[in-house]
Amino acid sequence: MRNIHYFWRHPLAEQVREEGRREGRAQARAEIVLRILQRRQIDVPADLRDRILASTDLDELGTWLDRSYEIADAGELFTEGP
C-alpha cells in the first residue's frame, strides 16, 4: 500500500494557512485602531487610514493600538517615542 500525502498536511499548506492567520490578525488589529479613533471622535484622513490598513506588522499595529487610547490627533500614531 502506498502512502497518501494529503495537501492540507503538507508543510507548504501549513505555511500558507499561518500566513493567512497573521494577515487576518493584522487586519483585525488595524480595524480596532480605527474603531477606537472613531469612538473617540478623532478624524482619520484617508491617507492615514490607508497606512493603518496596509500595515501587516503586528508589533507596529500593537504600538498604534496602545497610542490610539491617548492621542488627540491621528497623526500622533506615527510619532517616534513611547
C-alpha atoms as a PDB file:
ATOM      1  CA  MET A   1       0.000   0.000   0.000  1.00  0.00           C
ATOM      2  CA  ARG A   2       1.379   3.412  -0.819  1.00  0.00           C
ATOM      3  CA  ASN A   3       1.430   6.389   1.469  1.00  0.00           C
ATOM      4  CA  ILE A   4      -1.161   9.037   0.811  1.00  0.00           C
ATOM      5  CA  HIS A   5       0.043  12.581   1.363  1.00  0.00           C
ATOM      6  CA  TYR A   6      -2.727  15.000   1.993  1.00  0.00           C
ATOM      7  CA  PHE A   7      -2.045  18.512   0.770  1.00  0.00           C
ATOM      8  CA  TRP A   8      -3.519  20.188   3.850  1.00  0.00           C
ATOM      9  CA  ARG A   9      -0.891  18.391   5.977  1.00  0.00           C
ATOM     10  CA  HIS A  10       1.949  19.439   3.724  1.00  0.00           C
ATOM     11  CA  PRO A  11       4.378  21.987   5.253  1.00  0.00           C
ATOM     12  CA  LEU A  12       3.676  24.419   2.416  1.00  0.00           C
ATOM     13  CA  ALA A  13      -0.066  24.267   3.112  1.00  0.00           C
ATOM     14  CA  GLU A  14       0.589  24.821   6.817  1.00  0.00           C
ATOM     15  CA  GLN A  15       2.782  27.822   5.991  1.00  0.00           C
ATOM     16  CA  VAL A  16       0.094  29.326   3.744  1.00  0.00           C
ATOM     17  CA  ARG A  17      -2.520  28.878   6.465  1.00  0.00           C
ATOM     18  CA  GLU A  18      -0.277  30.527   9.074  1.00  0.00           C
ATOM     19  CA  GLU A  19       0.379  33.481   6.756  1.00  0.00           C
ATOM     20  CA  GLY A  20      -3.373  33.851   6.309  1.00  0.00           C
ATOM     21  CA  ARG A  21      -3.870  33.832  10.067  1.00  0.00           C
ATOM     22  CA  ARG A  22      -1.214  36.534  10.537  1.00  0.00           C
ATOM     23  CA  GLU A  23      -2.795  38.673   7.837  1.00  0.00           C
ATOM     24  CA  GLY A  24      -6.186  38.234   9.484  1.00  0.00           C
ATOM     25  CA  ARG A  25      -4.814  39.265  12.887  1.00  0.00           C
ATOM     26  CA  ALA A  26      -3.142  42.320  11.349  1.00  0.00           C
ATOM     27  CA  GLN A  27      -6.333  43.329   9.551  1.00  0.00           C
ATOM     28  CA  ALA A  28      -8.380  42.929  12.734  1.00  0.00           C
ATOM     29  CA  ARG A  29      -5.896  44.960  14.770  1.00  0.00           C
ATOM     30  CA  ALA A  30      -5.896  47.752  12.166  1.00  0.00           C
ATOM     31  CA  GLU A  31      -9.687  47.852  12.242  1.00  0.00           C
ATOM     32  CA  ILE A  32      -9.639  48.058  16.046  1.00  0.00           C
ATOM     33  CA  VAL A  33      -7.252  51.028  15.922  1.00  0.00           C
ATOM     34  CA  LEU A  34      -9.597  52.799  13.525  1.00  0.00           C
ATOM     35  CA  ARG A  35     -12.634  51.931  15.611  1.00  0.00           C
ATOM     36  CA  ILE A  36     -11.063  53.355  18.772  1.00  0.00           C
ATOM     37  CA  LEU A  37     -10.205  56.567  16.959  1.00  0.00           C
ATOM     38  CA  GLN A  38     -13.736  56.760  15.585  1.00  0.00           C
ATOM     39  CA  ARG A  39     -15.285  56.227  19.028  1.00  0.00           C
ATOM     40  CA  ARG A  40     -13.000  58.924  20.412  1.00  0.00           C
ATOM     41  CA  GLN A  41     -14.183  61.185  17.569  1.00  0.00           C
ATOM     42  CA  ILE A  42     -10.695  61.621  16.161  1.00  0.00           C
ATOM     43  CA  ASP A  43     -10.724  62.358  12.445  1.00  0.00           C
ATOM     44  CA  VAL A  44      -8.557  59.990  10.387  1.00  0.00           C
ATOM     45  CA  PRO A  45      -7.684  61.340   6.930  1.00  0.00           C
ATOM     46  CA  ALA A  46      -7.805  58.855   4.050  1.00  0.00           C
ATOM     47  CA  ASP A  47      -4.024  58.657   3.685  1.00  0.00           C
ATOM     48  CA  LEU A  48      -3.576  57.750   7.363  1.00  0.00           C
ATOM     49  CA  ARG A  49      -6.467  55.267   7.213  1.00  0.00           C
ATOM     50  CA  ASP A  50      -4.812  53.602   4.203  1.00  0.00           C
ATOM     51  CA  ARG A  51      -1.476  53.463   6.036  1.00  0.00           C
ATOM     52  CA  ILE A  52      -3.072  51.805   9.072  1.00  0.00           C
ATOM     53  CA  LEU A  53      -4.981  49.273   6.973  1.00  0.00           C
ATOM     54  CA  ALA A  54      -1.903  48.485   4.841  1.00  0.00           C
ATOM     55  CA  SER A  55       0.289  47.554   7.800  1.00  0.00           C
ATOM     56  CA  THR A  56       0.992  43.863   8.316  1.00  0.00           C
ATOM     57  CA  ASP A  57       3.433  44.337  11.201  1.00  0.00           C
ATOM     58  CA  LEU A  58       1.677  43.149  14.356  1.00  0.00           C
ATOM     59  CA  ASP A  59       4.192  44.918  16.620  1.00  0.00           C
ATOM     60  CA  GLU A  60       3.691  48.217  14.810  1.00  0.00           C
ATOM     61  CA  LEU A  61      -0.077  47.798  14.947  1.00  0.00           C
ATOM     62  CA  GLY A  62       0.176  46.997  18.651  1.00  0.00           C
ATOM     63  CA  THR A  63       2.052  50.237  19.233  1.00  0.00           C
ATOM     64  CA  TRP A  64      -0.582  52.159  17.289  1.00  0.00           C
ATOM     65  CA  LEU A  65      -3.315  50.402  19.246  1.00  0.00           C
ATOM     66  CA  ASP A  66      -1.754  51.468  22.544  1.00  0.00           C
ATOM     67  CA  ARG A  67      -1.334  55.029  21.302  1.00  0.00           C
ATOM     68  CA  SER A  68      -4.908  55.200  19.986  1.00  0.00           C
ATOM     69  CA  TYR A  69      -6.190  55.459  23.575  1.00  0.00           C
ATOM     70  CA  GLU A  70      -4.096  58.542  24.382  1.00  0.00           C
ATOM     71  CA  ILE A  71      -3.617  60.686  21.296  1.00  0.00           C
ATOM     72  CA  ALA A  72      -5.575  63.788  20.324  1.00  0.00           C
ATOM     73  CA  ASP A  73      -4.731  63.682  16.589  1.00  0.00           C
ATOM     74  CA  ALA A  74      -4.463  60.661  14.258  1.00  0.00           C
ATOM     75  CA  GLY A  75      -1.032  61.772  13.056  1.00  0.00           C
ATOM     76  CA  GLU A  76       0.317  61.148  16.558  1.00  0.00           C
ATOM     77  CA  LEU A  77       0.014  57.404  15.975  1.00  0.00           C
ATOM     78  CA  PHE A  78       3.133  57.546  13.840  1.00  0.00           C
ATOM     79  CA  THR A  79       5.385  59.668  16.048  1.00  0.00           C
ATOM     80  CA  GLU A  80       8.502  58.070  17.455  1.00  0.00           C
ATOM     81  CA  GLY A  81       8.721  57.526  21.172  1.00  0.00           C
ATOM     82  CA  PRO A  82       6.970  55.557  23.890  1.00  0.00           C
END
